[in-house]
Amino acid sequence: MDLRKPLRLGASATEMQELIRSVWTARRDRGAEDRKALELVGLRSGGLVHIDRLREDPHLEMHARGG
């Protein structure tokens, strides 16, 4: 998301807010929400992901790798 261009063109605070909101809500990287959904259906139990599941999808716990 490029904020410099609209700022330089004089976008108002409301316009900037809407730009950020539209980009944020359209994003597809919803890892935390995905993990919470897994907890709610019993496929994940809080903190860490089971090692077998982590091997299938290592992005589930990227914070453990500095991501």
PDB file of N, CA and C in Angstrom:
ATOM      1  N   MET A   1       0.847  -1.159   0.000  1.00  0.00           N
ATOM      2  CA  MET A   1       0.000   0.000   0.000  1.00  0.00           C
ATOM      3  C   MET A   1       0.901   1.233   0.000  1.00  0.00           C
ATOM      4  N   ASP A   2       0.669   2.101  -0.947  1.00  0.00           N
ATOM      5  CA  ASP A   2       1.458   3.328  -1.058  1.00  0.00           C
ATOM      6  C   ASP A   2       0.673   4.480  -0.444  1.00  0.00           C
ATOM      7  N   LEU A   3       1.137   4.971   0.686  1.00  0.00           N
ATOM      8  CA  LEU A   3       0.468   6.097   1.343  1.00  0.00           C
ATOM      9  C   LEU A   3       1.058   7.437   0.921  1.00  0.00           C
ATOM     10  N   ARG A   4       2.273   7.400   0.406  1.00  0.00           N
ATOM     11  CA  ARG A   4       2.931   8.663   0.046  1.00  0.00           C
ATOM     12  C   ARG A   4       2.189   9.430  -1.037  1.00  0.00           C
ATOM     13  N   LYS A   5       1.771   8.716  -2.074  1.00  0.00           N
ATOM     14  CA  LYS A   5       1.124   9.404  -3.193  1.00  0.00           C
ATOM     15  C   LYS A   5      -0.141  10.148  -2.761  1.00  0.00           C
ATOM     16  N   PRO A   6      -1.094   9.484  -2.075  1.00  0.00           N
ATOM     17  CA  PRO A   6      -2.279  10.241  -1.662  1.00  0.00           C
ATOM     18  C   PRO A   6      -1.953  11.369  -0.676  1.00  0.00           C
ATOM     19  N   LEU A   7      -0.971  11.137   0.201  1.00  0.00           N
ATOM     20  CA  LEU A   7      -0.587  12.206   1.122  1.00  0.00           C
ATOM     21  C   LEU A   7      -0.031  13.407   0.368  1.00  0.00           C
ATOM     22  N   ARG A   8       0.817  13.127  -0.592  1.00  0.00           N
ATOM     23  CA  ARG A   8       1.410  14.220  -1.382  1.00  0.00           C
ATOM     24  C   ARG A   8       0.373  14.944  -2.235  1.00  0.00           C
ATOM     25  N   LEU A   9      -0.690  14.224  -2.600  1.00  0.00           N
ATOM     26  CA  LEU A   9      -1.754  14.846  -3.394  1.00  0.00           C
ATOM     27  C   LEU A   9      -2.773  15.571  -2.516  1.00  0.00           C
ATOM     28  N   GLY A  10      -2.539  15.543  -1.202  1.00  0.00           N
ATOM     29  CA  GLY A  10      -3.388  16.302  -0.289  1.00  0.00           C
ATOM     30  C   GLY A  10      -4.615  15.562   0.212  1.00  0.00           C
ATOM     31  N   ALA A  11      -4.572  14.267   0.261  1.00  0.00           N
ATOM     32  CA  ALA A  11      -5.716  13.496   0.761  1.00  0.00           C
ATOM     33  C   ALA A  11      -6.026  13.880   2.199  1.00  0.00           C
ATOM     34  N   SER A  12      -7.306  13.928   2.502  1.00  0.00           N
ATOM     35  CA  SER A  12      -7.728  14.273   3.862  1.00  0.00           C
ATOM     36  C   SER A  12      -7.537  13.071   4.781  1.00  0.00           C
ATOM     37  N   ALA A  13      -7.645  13.315   6.077  1.00  0.00           N
ATOM     38  CA  ALA A  13      -7.533  12.229   7.055  1.00  0.00           C
ATOM     39  C   ALA A  13      -8.617  11.176   6.810  1.00  0.00           C
ATOM     40  N   THR A  14      -9.797  11.618   6.453  1.00  0.00           N
ATOM     41  CA  THR A  14     -10.897  10.692   6.167  1.00  0.00           C
ATOM     42  C   THR A  14     -10.591   9.844   4.938  1.00  0.00           C
ATOM     43  N   GLU A  15     -10.043  10.455   3.909  1.00  0.00           N
ATOM     44  CA  GLU A  15      -9.674   9.705   2.697  1.00  0.00           C
ATOM     45  C   GLU A  15      -8.573   8.697   2.996  1.00  0.00           C
ATOM     46  N   MET A  16      -7.612   9.089   3.799  1.00  0.00           N
ATOM     47  CA  MET A  16      -6.536   8.168   4.172  1.00  0.00           C
ATOM     48  C   MET A  16      -7.089   7.008   4.996  1.00  0.00           C
ATOM     49  N   GLN A  17      -7.978   7.333   5.907  1.00  0.00           N
ATOM     50  CA  GLN A  17      -8.590   6.299   6.732  1.00  0.00           C
ATOM     51  C   GLN A  17      -9.328   5.284   5.853  1.00  0.00           C
ATOM     52  N   GLU A  18     -10.072   5.759   4.888  1.00  0.00           N
ATOM     53  CA  GLU A  18     -10.812   4.862   4.001  1.00  0.00           C
ATOM     54  C   GLU A  18      -9.869   4.025   3.135  1.00  0.00           C
ATOM     55  N   LEU A  19      -8.787   4.616   2.668  1.00  0.00           N
ATOM     56  CA  LEU A  19      -7.797   3.870   1.884  1.00  0.00           C
ATOM     57  C   LEU A  19      -7.214   2.729   2.711  1.00  0.00           C
ATOM     58  N   ILE A  20      -6.800   3.036   3.920  1.00  0.00           N
ATOM     59  CA  ILE A  20      -6.214   2.010   4.791  1.00  0.00           C
ATOM     60  C   ILE A  20      -7.250   0.938   5.123  1.00  0.00           C
ATOM     61  N   ARG A  21      -8.457   1.355   5.428  1.00  0.00           N
ATOM     62  CA  ARG A  21      -9.518   0.397   5.761  1.00  0.00           C
ATOM     63  C   ARG A  21      -9.808  -0.529   4.572  1.00  0.00           C
ATOM     64  N   SER A  22      -9.865   0.013   3.377  1.00  0.00           N
ATOM     65  CA  SER A  22     -10.182  -0.819   2.207  1.00  0.00           C
ATOM     66  C   SER A  22      -9.085  -1.842   1.930  1.00  0.00           C
ATOM     67  N   VAL A  23      -7.834  -1.437   2.088  1.00  0.00           N
ATOM     68  CA  VAL A  23      -6.725  -2.378   1.873  1.00  0.00           C
ATOM     69  C   VAL A  23      -6.715  -3.426   2.980  1.00  0.00           C
ATOM     70  N   TRP A  24      -6.920  -3.004   4.218  1.00  0.00           N
ATOM     71  CA  TRP A  24      -6.871  -3.918   5.354  1.00  0.00           C
ATOM     72  C   TRP A  24      -7.981  -4.972   5.267  1.00  0.00           C
ATOM     73  N   THR A  25      -9.184  -4.562   4.924  1.00  0.00           N
ATOM     74  CA  THR A  25     -10.290  -5.512   4.885  1.00  0.00           C
ATOM     75  C   THR A  25     -10.229  -6.430   3.671  1.00  0.00           C
ATOM     76  N   ALA A  26      -9.501  -6.046   2.640  1.00  0.00           N
ATOM     77  CA  ALA A  26      -9.392  -6.878   1.432  1.00  0.00           C
ATOM     78  C   ALA A  26      -8.245  -7.876   1.511  1.00  0.00           C
ATOM     79  N   ARG A  27      -7.433  -7.799   2.548  1.00  0.00           N
ATOM     80  CA  ARG A  27      -6.271  -8.670   2.631  1.00  0.00           C
ATOM     81  C   ARG A  27      -6.699 -10.119   2.805  1.00  0.00           C
ATOM     82  N   ARG A  28      -5.828 -11.036   2.402  1.00  0.00           N
ATOM     83  CA  ARG A  28      -6.136 -12.457   2.487  1.00  0.00           C
ATOM     84  C   ARG A  28      -5.302 -13.162   3.557  1.00  0.00           C
ATOM     85  N   ASP A  29      -4.335 -12.488   4.131  1.00  0.00           N
ATOM     86  CA  ASP A  29      -3.481 -13.102   5.142  1.00  0.00           C
ATOM     87  C   ASP A  29      -4.099 -12.953   6.531  1.00  0.00           C
ATOM     88  N   ARG A  30      -4.989 -13.822   6.831  1.00  0.00           N
ATOM     89  CA  ARG A  30      -5.729 -13.753   8.089  1.00  0.00           C
ATOM     90  C   ARG A  30      -5.343 -14.908   9.009  1.00  0.00           C
ATOM     91  N   GLY A  31      -4.052 -15.075   9.216  1.00  0.00           N
ATOM     92  CA  GLY A  31      -3.541 -16.199   9.999  1.00  0.00           C
ATOM     93  C   GLY A  31      -4.124 -16.302  11.393  1.00  0.00           C
ATOM     94  N   ALA A  32      -4.195 -15.195  12.118  1.00  0.00           N
ATOM     95  CA  ALA A  32      -4.717 -15.231  13.485  1.00  0.00           C
ATOM     96  C   ALA A  32      -6.184 -15.643  13.488  1.00  0.00           C
ATOM     97  N   GLU A  33      -6.952 -15.118  12.552  1.00  0.00           N
ATOM     98  CA  GLU A  33      -8.361 -15.477  12.475  1.00  0.00           C
ATOM     99  C   GLU A  33      -8.516 -16.951  12.090  1.00  0.00           C
ATOM    100  N   ASP A  34      -7.675 -17.430  11.187  1.00  0.00           N
ATOM    101  CA  ASP A  34      -7.707 -18.838  10.790  1.00  0.00           C
ATOM    102  C   ASP A  34      -7.377 -19.740  11.976  1.00  0.00           C
ATOM    103  N   ARG A  35      -6.362 -19.365  12.751  1.00  0.00           N
ATOM    104  CA  ARG A  35      -5.983 -20.175  13.912  1.00  0.00           C
ATOM    105  C   ARG A  35      -7.104 -20.199  14.956  1.00  0.00           C
ATOM    106  N   LYS A  36      -7.761 -19.057  15.154  1.00  0.00           N
ATOM    107  CA  LYS A  36      -8.864 -19.002  16.118  1.00  0.00           C
ATOM    108  C   LYS A  36     -10.013 -19.890  15.643  1.00  0.00           C
ATOM    109  N   ALA A  37     -10.319 -19.891  14.364  1.00  0.00           N
ATOM    110  CA  ALA A  37     -11.378 -20.738  13.822  1.00  0.00           C
ATOM    111  C   ALA A  37     -11.056 -22.210  14.048  1.00  0.00           C
ATOM    112  N   LEU A  38      -9.787 -22.585  13.898  1.00  0.00           N
ATOM    113  CA  LEU A  38      -9.386 -23.968  14.146  1.00  0.00           C
ATOM    114  C   LEU A  38      -9.598 -24.340  15.615  1.00  0.00           C
ATOM    115  N   GLU A  39      -9.333 -23.399  16.514  1.00  0.00           N
ATOM    116  CA  GLU A  39      -9.563 -23.647  17.942  1.00  0.00           C
ATOM    117  C   GLU A  39     -11.042 -23.881  18.207  1.00  0.00           C
ATOM    118  N   LEU A  40     -11.880 -23.072  17.591  1.00  0.00           N
ATOM    119  CA  LEU A  40     -13.318 -23.151  17.851  1.00  0.00           C
ATOM    120  C   LEU A  40     -13.921 -24.478  17.404  1.00  0.00           C
ATOM    121  N   VAL A  41     -13.359 -25.091  16.372  1.00  0.00           N
ATOM    122  CA  VAL A  41     -13.880 -26.387  15.907  1.00  0.00           C
ATOM    123  C   VAL A  41     -13.077 -27.551  16.453  1.00  0.00           C
ATOM    124  N   GLY A  42     -12.152 -27.279  17.363  1.00  0.00           N
ATOM    125  CA  GLY A  42     -11.417 -28.335  18.036  1.00  0.00           C
ATOM    126  C   GLY A  42     -10.242 -28.907  17.273  1.00  0.00           C
ATOM    127  N   LEU A  43      -9.798 -28.248  16.218  1.00  0.00           N
ATOM    128  CA  LEU A  43      -8.655 -28.748  15.449  1.00  0.00           C
ATOM    129  C   LEU A  43      -7.341 -28.140  15.917  1.00  0.00           C
ATOM    130  N   ARG A  44      -7.417 -27.260  16.880  1.00  0.00           N
ATOM    131  CA  ARG A  44      -6.220 -26.619  17.418  1.00  0.00           C
ATOM    132  C   ARG A  44      -6.493 -26.300  18.867  1.00  0.00           C
ATOM    133  N   SER A  45      -5.515 -26.507  19.720  1.00  0.00           N
ATOM    134  CA  SER A  45      -5.733 -26.260  21.145  1.00  0.00           C
ATOM    135  C   SER A  45      -4.832 -25.150  21.653  1.00  0.00           C
ATOM    136  N   GLY A  46      -5.230 -23.929  21.431  1.00  0.00           N
ATOM    137  CA  GLY A  46      -4.495 -22.787  21.949  1.00  0.00           C
ATOM    138  C   GLY A  46      -3.132 -22.603  21.336  1.00  0.00           C
ATOM    139  N   GLY A  47      -2.132 -22.359  22.174  1.00  0.00           N
ATOM    140  CA  GLY A  47      -0.764 -22.028  21.815  1.00  0.00           C
ATOM    141  C   GLY A  47      -0.166 -22.582  20.550  1.00  0.00           C
ATOM    142  N   LEU A  48       0.469 -23.728  20.659  1.00  0.00           N
ATOM    143  CA  LEU A  48       1.237 -24.248  19.542  1.00  0.00           C
ATOM    144  C   LEU A  48       0.429 -25.191  18.668  1.00  0.00           C
ATOM    145  N   VAL A  49       0.840 -25.286  17.443  1.00  0.00           N
ATOM    146  CA  VAL A  49       0.223 -26.201  16.489  1.00  0.00           C
ATOM    147  C   VAL A  49       0.931 -27.544  16.604  1.00  0.00           C
ATOM    148  N   HIS A  50       0.176 -28.621  16.526  1.00  0.00           N
ATOM    149  CA  HIS A  50       0.770 -29.952  16.578  1.00  0.00           C
ATOM    150  C   HIS A  50       1.819 -30.075  15.467  1.00  0.00           C
ATOM    151  N   ILE A  51       2.907 -30.765  15.744  1.00  0.00           N
ATOM    152  CA  ILE A  51       4.042 -30.838  14.822  1.00  0.00           C
ATOM    153  C   ILE A  51       3.655 -31.383  13.455  1.00  0.00           C
ATOM    154  N   ASP A  52       2.749 -32.351  13.397  1.00  0.00           N
ATOM    155  CA  ASP A  52       2.331 -32.895  12.107  1.00  0.00           C
ATOM    156  C   ASP A  52       1.627 -31.833  11.265  1.00  0.00           C
ATOM    157  N   ARG A  53       0.766 -31.055  11.904  1.00  0.00           N
ATOM    158  CA  ARG A  53       0.048 -29.985  11.197  1.00  0.00           C
ATOM    159  C   ARG A  53       1.027 -28.887  10.783  1.00  0.00           C
ATOM    160  N   LEU A  54       1.990 -28.600  11.632  1.00  0.00           N
ATOM    161  CA  LEU A  54       2.996 -27.584  11.319  1.00  0.00           C
ATOM    162  C   LEU A  54       3.844 -28.009  10.129  1.00  0.00           C
ATOM    163  N   ARG A  55       4.136 -29.281  10.033  1.00  0.00           N
ATOM    164  CA  ARG A  55       4.897 -29.775   8.876  1.00  0.00           C
ATOM    165  C   ARG A  55       4.097 -29.621   7.590  1.00  0.00           C
ATOM    166  N   GLU A  56       2.783 -29.766   7.690  1.00  0.00           N
ATOM    167  CA  GLU A  56       1.914 -29.582   6.523  1.00  0.00           C
ATOM    168  C   GLU A  56       1.872 -28.123   6.089  1.00  0.00           C
ATOM    169  N   ASP A  57       1.820 -27.233   7.066  1.00  0.00           N
ATOM    170  CA  ASP A  57       1.705 -25.798   6.774  1.00  0.00           C
ATOM    171  C   ASP A  57       2.566 -25.001   7.746  1.00  0.00           C
ATOM    172  N   PRO A  58       3.866 -24.826   7.431  1.00  0.00           N
ATOM    173  CA  PRO A  58       4.785 -24.146   8.354  1.00  0.00           C
ATOM    174  C   PRO A  58       4.441 -22.684   8.617  1.00  0.00           C
ATOM    175  N   HIS A  59       3.585 -22.074   7.814  1.00  0.00           N
ATOM    176  CA  HIS A  59       3.228 -20.674   8.035  1.00  0.00           C
ATOM    177  C   HIS A  59       2.315 -20.479   9.239  1.00  0.00           C
ATOM    178  N   LEU A  60       1.780 -21.564   9.784  1.00  0.00           N
ATOM    179  CA  LEU A  60       0.894 -21.435  10.938  1.00  0.00           C
ATOM    180  C   LEU A  60       1.598 -20.854  12.148  1.00  0.00           C
ATOM    181  N   GLU A  61       2.878 -21.048  12.264  1.00  0.00           N
ATOM    182  CA  GLU A  61       3.612 -20.557  13.431  1.00  0.00           C
ATOM    183  C   GLU A  61       4.865 -19.794  13.014  1.00  0.00           C
ATOM    184  N   MET A  62       4.727 -18.856  12.120  1.00  0.00           N
ATOM    185  CA  MET A  62       5.876 -18.093  11.628  1.00  0.00           C
ATOM    186  C   MET A  62       6.541 -17.267  12.721  1.00  0.00           C
ATOM    187  N   HIS A  63       5.801 -16.910  13.781  1.00  0.00           N
ATOM    188  CA  HIS A  63       6.422 -16.116  14.853  1.00  0.00           C
ATOM    189  C   HIS A  63       7.582 -16.876  15.489  1.00  0.00           C
ATOM    190  N   ALA A  64       7.537 -18.195  15.441  1.00  0.00           N
ATOM    191  CA  ALA A  64       8.610 -18.995  16.030  1.00  0.00           C
ATOM    192  C   ALA A  64       9.872 -18.953  15.179  1.00  0.00           C
ATOM    193  N   ARG A  65       9.735 -18.439  13.975  1.00  0.00           N
ATOM    194  CA  ARG A  65      10.869 -18.366  13.055  1.00  0.00           C
ATOM    195  C   ARG A  65      11.271 -16.917  12.766  1.00  0.00           C
ATOM    196  N   GLY A  66      10.779 -16.024  13.553  1.00  0.00           N
ATOM    197  CA  GLY A  66      11.146 -14.616  13.368  1.00  0.00           C
ATOM    198  C   GLY A  66      10.275 -13.899  12.365  1.00  0.00           C
ATOM    199  N   GLY A  67       9.162 -14.476  11.956  1.00  0.00           N
ATOM    200  CA  GLY A  67       8.263 -13.871  10.969  1.00  0.00           C
ATOM    201  C   GLY A  67       7.146 -13.231  11.641  1.00  0.00           C
TER     202      GLY A  67
END
